[in-house]
Every structure is written in C-alpha cells, then in structure tokens.
C-alpha cells in the first residue's frame, strides 16, 4: 500500500504546476483525499480536499487558483495549481482517509520564487 506524490518543482510567480497523488496496492475510490502543505518552520496545513462523494473544499488562500481532481481510471488525485505565489512554497503531501484508515505520501517540494 503506497501513496506517491509527484509534479513538484521550482517555478516563477504566476506559473502553474500539477501535482499527482497516485495510489498502489489499494483503490482510492471511496477514500477522501486531502492535500496538505508544510512551509519551512510552519505547521502542516490543510489545502484542499475531495470527499468520497467528490465534494470539494479549499482553503481560502488557494480558492480560485487550485483545483482538486479525482481520476478513478488512473487511481490518482491531482492538484492543479495556477497563478502560484511565493507564499505557496512548501512541501505538499496527500493523504487518503476512510473511517479510521489513513495513508500518507512522502511529499513533493514546490518552490515559487522570482
């Protein structure tokens, strides 16, 4: 059972990135998926989520810029991030959760600077 994030990188302000959270060993169908991020020296923070019924929620600071997308055929969830800002710099983690079960990925670094 594994969750793997990918797609991070270094970009300039205003650019876009698409993060992937891919599962192996289990199906993401029915799991709620939460994207978190942790900036240097800061606690981990919730960014966006998609529930088992595909209800989507976003932190106010990323609303209208980030989109969370579930693709059951690929057994993956994506985080499309547009108009990135320096304050979006962080390690991004995905979490798959259902009832008392929770799986985490290892994180992917996103750096936004000019």
N, C-alpha and C. Protein backbone atom coordinates (compact mmCIF):
# COMPACT_ATOMS: atom_id res chain seq x y z
N UNK A 1 0.86 -1.19 0.00
CA UNK A 1 0.00 0.00 0.00
C UNK A 1 0.89 1.24 0.00
N UNK A 2 0.68 2.11 -0.97
CA UNK A 2 1.59 3.25 -1.10
C UNK A 2 0.88 4.41 -1.77
N UNK A 3 1.20 5.61 -1.31
CA UNK A 3 0.78 6.84 -1.97
C UNK A 3 2.04 7.56 -2.40
N UNK A 4 2.08 8.01 -3.63
CA UNK A 4 3.27 8.70 -4.13
C UNK A 4 2.86 10.02 -4.75
N UNK A 5 3.43 11.12 -4.24
CA UNK A 5 3.20 12.43 -4.85
C UNK A 5 4.30 12.70 -5.86
N UNK A 6 3.97 13.46 -6.86
CA UNK A 6 4.95 13.91 -7.85
C UNK A 6 4.44 15.19 -8.50
N UNK A 7 5.31 15.82 -9.28
CA UNK A 7 4.91 17.01 -10.01
C UNK A 7 5.39 18.31 -9.43
N UNK A 8 6.06 18.25 -8.29
CA UNK A 8 6.58 19.47 -7.70
C UNK A 8 7.75 20.01 -8.51
N UNK A 9 8.18 21.20 -8.15
CA UNK A 9 9.30 21.81 -8.84
C UNK A 9 9.46 23.26 -8.45
N UNK A 10 10.35 23.93 -9.18
CA UNK A 10 10.61 25.36 -8.95
C UNK A 10 10.02 26.16 -10.10
N UNK A 11 9.18 27.12 -9.78
CA UNK A 11 8.53 27.95 -10.79
C UNK A 11 8.57 29.40 -10.36
N UNK A 12 8.25 30.27 -11.31
CA UNK A 12 8.16 31.69 -11.01
C UNK A 12 6.73 32.06 -10.63
N UNK A 13 6.57 33.16 -9.92
CA UNK A 13 5.20 33.60 -9.57
C UNK A 13 4.34 33.73 -10.82
N UNK A 14 3.11 33.29 -10.70
CA UNK A 14 2.17 33.35 -11.82
C UNK A 14 2.12 32.08 -12.65
N UNK A 15 3.10 31.22 -12.49
CA UNK A 15 3.13 29.98 -13.26
C UNK A 15 2.27 28.90 -12.59
N UNK A 16 2.21 27.74 -13.25
CA UNK A 16 1.34 26.66 -12.79
C UNK A 16 2.13 25.37 -12.58
N UNK A 17 1.58 24.53 -11.72
CA UNK A 17 2.07 23.17 -11.53
C UNK A 17 0.88 22.25 -11.33
N UNK A 18 1.07 20.99 -11.67
CA UNK A 18 0.04 19.98 -11.45
C UNK A 18 0.67 18.85 -10.63
N UNK A 19 0.21 18.72 -9.42
CA UNK A 19 0.71 17.66 -8.54
C UNK A 19 -0.14 16.41 -8.71
N UNK A 20 0.51 15.27 -8.62
CA UNK A 20 -0.18 13.99 -8.70
C UNK A 20 -0.04 13.23 -7.39
N UNK A 21 -1.09 12.53 -7.05
CA UNK A 21 -1.08 11.63 -5.88
C UNK A 21 -1.59 10.30 -6.41
N UNK A 22 -0.69 9.35 -6.56
CA UNK A 22 -1.04 8.06 -7.14
C UNK A 22 -0.96 6.95 -6.10
N UNK A 23 -1.96 6.10 -6.12
CA UNK A 23 -2.03 5.01 -5.14
C UNK A 23 -1.66 3.69 -5.79
N UNK A 24 -0.99 2.87 -5.01
CA UNK A 24 -0.74 1.49 -5.43
C UNK A 24 -1.05 0.57 -4.26
N UNK A 25 -1.59 -0.58 -4.58
CA UNK A 25 -1.91 -1.55 -3.54
C UNK A 25 -3.31 -1.39 -2.97
N UNK A 26 -4.00 -0.33 -3.37
CA UNK A 26 -5.39 -0.14 -2.94
C UNK A 26 -6.05 0.85 -3.89
N UNK A 27 -7.38 0.86 -3.88
CA UNK A 27 -8.13 1.78 -4.73
C UNK A 27 -8.50 3.03 -3.95
N UNK A 28 -8.32 4.19 -4.60
CA UNK A 28 -8.69 5.46 -3.96
C UNK A 28 -10.20 5.68 -3.98
N UNK A 29 -10.91 4.88 -4.73
CA UNK A 29 -12.36 5.02 -4.81
C UNK A 29 -12.97 4.84 -3.42
N UNK A 30 -13.73 5.84 -2.97
CA UNK A 30 -14.34 5.77 -1.66
C UNK A 30 -13.51 6.43 -0.56
N UNK A 31 -12.28 6.77 -0.87
CA UNK A 31 -11.44 7.46 0.09
C UNK A 31 -11.59 8.98 -0.08
N UNK A 32 -11.56 9.68 1.03
CA UNK A 32 -11.39 11.11 0.97
C UNK A 32 -9.91 11.41 0.78
N UNK A 33 -9.60 12.37 -0.07
CA UNK A 33 -8.22 12.74 -0.34
C UNK A 33 -8.01 14.17 0.11
N UNK A 34 -6.98 14.37 0.90
CA UNK A 34 -6.65 15.69 1.42
C UNK A 34 -5.24 16.05 0.97
N UNK A 35 -5.09 17.23 0.39
CA UNK A 35 -3.76 17.78 0.13
C UNK A 35 -3.42 18.71 1.29
N UNK A 36 -2.22 18.49 1.84
CA UNK A 36 -1.69 19.35 2.89
C UNK A 36 -0.41 19.98 2.37
N UNK A 37 0.05 21.00 3.05
CA UNK A 37 1.36 21.55 2.74
C UNK A 37 2.02 22.03 4.02
N UNK A 38 3.35 22.01 3.98
CA UNK A 38 4.12 22.47 5.13
C UNK A 38 5.25 23.36 4.65
N UNK A 39 5.15 24.63 5.01
CA UNK A 39 6.20 25.58 4.69
C UNK A 39 7.29 25.49 5.75
N UNK A 40 8.52 25.93 5.43
CA UNK A 40 9.62 25.86 6.40
C UNK A 40 9.28 26.57 7.70
N UNK A 41 9.46 25.87 8.81
CA UNK A 41 9.22 26.47 10.11
C UNK A 41 7.75 26.61 10.49
N UNK A 42 6.87 26.08 9.68
CA UNK A 42 5.43 26.22 9.93
C UNK A 42 4.80 24.85 10.14
N UNK A 43 3.66 24.80 10.80
CA UNK A 43 2.96 23.51 10.94
C UNK A 43 2.33 23.09 9.62
N UNK A 44 2.09 21.80 9.49
CA UNK A 44 1.41 21.30 8.30
C UNK A 44 -0.01 21.85 8.28
N UNK A 45 -0.46 22.21 7.06
CA UNK A 45 -1.75 22.89 6.93
C UNK A 45 -2.56 22.23 5.82
N UNK A 46 -3.85 22.16 6.02
CA UNK A 46 -4.75 21.61 5.02
C UNK A 46 -4.91 22.61 3.88
N UNK A 47 -4.94 22.12 2.65
CA UNK A 47 -5.03 22.99 1.48
C UNK A 47 -6.33 22.76 0.70
N UNK A 48 -6.59 21.50 0.39
CA UNK A 48 -7.76 21.17 -0.43
C UNK A 48 -8.13 19.72 -0.16
N UNK A 49 -9.40 19.42 -0.36
CA UNK A 49 -9.85 18.04 -0.15
C UNK A 49 -10.96 17.68 -1.12
N UNK A 50 -11.08 16.39 -1.36
CA UNK A 50 -12.19 15.86 -2.14
C UNK A 50 -12.69 14.64 -1.40
N UNK A 51 -14.00 14.65 -1.09
CA UNK A 51 -14.56 13.58 -0.29
C UNK A 51 -14.88 12.34 -1.12
N UNK A 52 -15.32 11.32 -0.42
CA UNK A 52 -15.69 10.09 -1.09
C UNK A 52 -16.84 10.28 -2.07
N UNK A 53 -17.66 11.31 -1.83
CA UNK A 53 -18.75 11.65 -2.75
C UNK A 53 -18.34 12.77 -3.69
N UNK A 54 -17.04 13.07 -3.72
CA UNK A 54 -16.46 14.09 -4.61
C UNK A 54 -16.82 15.53 -4.25
N UNK A 55 -17.22 15.75 -3.01
CA UNK A 55 -17.41 17.12 -2.54
C UNK A 55 -16.02 17.74 -2.37
N UNK A 56 -15.82 18.92 -2.94
CA UNK A 56 -14.51 19.58 -2.92
C UNK A 56 -14.53 20.77 -1.97
N UNK A 57 -13.42 20.92 -1.25
CA UNK A 57 -13.26 22.07 -0.36
C UNK A 57 -11.85 22.62 -0.52
N UNK A 58 -11.73 23.94 -0.32
CA UNK A 58 -10.44 24.60 -0.49
C UNK A 58 -10.20 25.58 0.65
N UNK A 59 -8.92 25.69 1.02
CA UNK A 59 -8.54 26.75 1.93
C UNK A 59 -8.76 28.09 1.22
N UNK A 60 -9.15 29.11 1.96
CA UNK A 60 -9.46 30.40 1.33
C UNK A 60 -8.29 30.95 0.51
N UNK A 61 -7.06 30.72 0.96
CA UNK A 61 -5.91 31.32 0.28
C UNK A 61 -5.64 30.71 -1.10
N UNK A 62 -6.24 29.55 -1.39
CA UNK A 62 -5.98 28.91 -2.69
C UNK A 62 -7.25 28.80 -3.53
N UNK A 63 -8.36 29.18 -2.95
CA UNK A 63 -9.63 29.09 -3.70
C UNK A 63 -9.50 29.92 -4.97
N UNK A 64 -10.02 29.47 -6.07
CA UNK A 64 -9.97 30.13 -7.38
C UNK A 64 -8.62 29.99 -8.06
N UNK A 65 -7.64 29.40 -7.38
CA UNK A 65 -6.34 29.16 -8.01
C UNK A 65 -6.02 27.68 -8.11
N UNK A 66 -6.48 26.90 -7.13
CA UNK A 66 -6.20 25.47 -7.09
C UNK A 66 -7.48 24.70 -7.43
N UNK A 67 -7.29 23.56 -8.08
CA UNK A 67 -8.40 22.66 -8.36
C UNK A 67 -7.97 21.24 -8.04
N UNK A 68 -8.79 20.55 -7.25
CA UNK A 68 -8.50 19.14 -6.94
C UNK A 68 -9.36 18.28 -7.85
N UNK A 69 -8.72 17.26 -8.43
CA UNK A 69 -9.36 16.44 -9.46
C UNK A 69 -9.12 14.98 -9.13
N UNK A 70 -10.20 14.21 -9.13
CA UNK A 70 -10.09 12.77 -8.90
C UNK A 70 -10.21 12.06 -10.24
N UNK A 71 -9.32 11.11 -10.50
CA UNK A 71 -9.37 10.29 -11.72
C UNK A 71 -9.35 8.83 -11.31
N UNK A 72 -10.52 8.23 -11.23
CA UNK A 72 -10.61 6.84 -10.77
C UNK A 72 -9.92 5.88 -11.72
N UNK A 73 -9.96 6.18 -13.03
CA UNK A 73 -9.32 5.30 -14.01
C UNK A 73 -7.81 5.20 -13.79
N UNK A 74 -7.22 6.31 -13.34
CA UNK A 74 -5.78 6.33 -13.08
C UNK A 74 -5.46 6.04 -11.61
N UNK A 75 -6.50 5.87 -10.80
CA UNK A 75 -6.31 5.65 -9.36
C UNK A 75 -5.43 6.76 -8.78
N UNK A 76 -5.80 7.98 -9.11
CA UNK A 76 -4.98 9.12 -8.72
C UNK A 76 -5.85 10.33 -8.44
N UNK A 77 -5.28 11.25 -7.70
CA UNK A 77 -5.90 12.56 -7.47
C UNK A 77 -4.86 13.61 -7.82
N UNK A 78 -5.30 14.65 -8.49
CA UNK A 78 -4.40 15.70 -8.93
C UNK A 78 -4.74 17.01 -8.23
N UNK A 79 -3.73 17.85 -8.10
CA UNK A 79 -3.94 19.21 -7.60
C UNK A 79 -3.37 20.17 -8.65
N UNK A 80 -4.28 20.79 -9.39
CA UNK A 80 -3.88 21.78 -10.39
C UNK A 80 -3.71 23.12 -9.67
N UNK A 81 -2.51 23.68 -9.75
CA UNK A 81 -2.20 24.92 -9.05
C UNK A 81 -1.85 25.99 -10.08
N UNK A 82 -2.66 27.01 -10.17
CA UNK A 82 -2.44 28.10 -11.11
C UNK A 82 -2.08 29.38 -10.36
N UNK A 83 -1.49 30.32 -11.09
CA UNK A 83 -1.15 31.62 -10.52
C UNK A 83 -0.43 31.46 -9.19
N UNK A 84 0.62 30.65 -9.20
CA UNK A 84 1.34 30.37 -7.96
C UNK A 84 2.00 31.61 -7.40
N UNK A 85 2.06 31.67 -6.08
CA UNK A 85 2.63 32.81 -5.37
C UNK A 85 3.79 32.32 -4.48
N UNK A 86 4.70 33.20 -4.13
CA UNK A 86 5.81 32.78 -3.26
C UNK A 86 5.32 32.13 -1.95
N UNK A 87 4.21 32.57 -1.44
CA UNK A 87 3.69 32.01 -0.19
C UNK A 87 3.12 30.60 -0.36
N UNK A 88 3.07 30.12 -1.59
CA UNK A 88 2.66 28.73 -1.83
C UNK A 88 3.83 27.76 -1.69
N UNK A 89 5.03 28.30 -1.50
CA UNK A 89 6.21 27.46 -1.34
C UNK A 89 6.07 26.56 -0.12
N UNK A 90 6.21 25.25 -0.33
CA UNK A 90 6.02 24.28 0.75
C UNK A 90 6.28 22.88 0.21
N UNK A 91 6.34 21.93 1.13
CA UNK A 91 6.26 20.53 0.75
C UNK A 91 4.79 20.15 0.77
N UNK A 92 4.33 19.56 -0.31
CA UNK A 92 2.92 19.19 -0.43
C UNK A 92 2.77 17.68 -0.24
N UNK A 93 1.80 17.33 0.60
CA UNK A 93 1.54 15.93 0.92
C UNK A 93 0.09 15.59 0.57
N UNK A 94 -0.12 14.36 0.14
CA UNK A 94 -1.50 13.91 0.01
C UNK A 94 -1.78 12.84 1.06
N UNK A 95 -3.02 12.82 1.50
CA UNK A 95 -3.49 11.86 2.48
C UNK A 95 -4.76 11.23 1.95
N UNK A 96 -4.84 9.91 2.05
CA UNK A 96 -6.06 9.18 1.70
C UNK A 96 -6.65 8.67 3.00
N UNK A 97 -7.91 8.98 3.24
CA UNK A 97 -8.51 8.63 4.52
C UNK A 97 -9.92 8.07 4.35
N UNK A 98 -10.20 7.05 5.12
CA UNK A 98 -11.55 6.46 5.15
C UNK A 98 -11.72 5.79 6.49
N UNK A 99 -12.79 6.17 7.18
CA UNK A 99 -13.04 5.67 8.54
C UNK A 99 -11.78 5.89 9.38
N UNK A 100 -11.20 4.85 9.95
CA UNK A 100 -10.02 5.03 10.81
C UNK A 100 -8.72 4.77 10.05
N UNK A 101 -8.78 4.60 8.74
CA UNK A 101 -7.59 4.32 7.95
C UNK A 101 -7.08 5.59 7.29
N UNK A 102 -5.77 5.77 7.32
CA UNK A 102 -5.17 6.96 6.72
C UNK A 102 -3.82 6.58 6.14
N UNK A 103 -3.61 6.96 4.89
CA UNK A 103 -2.32 6.75 4.23
C UNK A 103 -1.76 8.10 3.80
N UNK A 104 -0.43 8.22 3.91
CA UNK A 104 0.24 9.46 3.53
C UNK A 104 1.31 9.18 2.50
N UNK A 105 1.54 10.16 1.64
CA UNK A 105 2.67 10.10 0.74
C UNK A 105 3.89 10.75 1.39
N UNK A 106 4.99 10.75 0.65
CA UNK A 106 6.26 11.24 1.19
C UNK A 106 6.45 12.75 0.97
N UNK A 107 5.61 13.33 0.14
CA UNK A 107 5.68 14.77 -0.10
C UNK A 107 6.43 15.12 -1.37
N UNK A 108 6.09 16.27 -1.92
CA UNK A 108 6.78 16.80 -3.09
C UNK A 108 6.97 18.30 -2.89
N UNK A 109 8.18 18.78 -3.20
CA UNK A 109 8.53 20.17 -2.92
C UNK A 109 8.03 21.08 -4.03
N UNK A 110 7.41 22.16 -3.64
CA UNK A 110 7.00 23.23 -4.55
C UNK A 110 7.69 24.51 -4.10
N UNK A 111 8.42 25.13 -5.02
CA UNK A 111 9.12 26.37 -4.71
C UNK A 111 8.72 27.42 -5.73
N UNK A 112 8.23 28.54 -5.23
CA UNK A 112 7.79 29.64 -6.10
C UNK A 112 8.63 30.87 -5.76
N UNK A 113 9.46 31.27 -6.71
CA UNK A 113 10.30 32.46 -6.47
C UNK A 113 10.71 33.05 -7.80
N UNK A 114 11.03 34.34 -7.75
CA UNK A 114 11.47 35.03 -8.96
C UNK A 114 12.99 35.11 -8.97
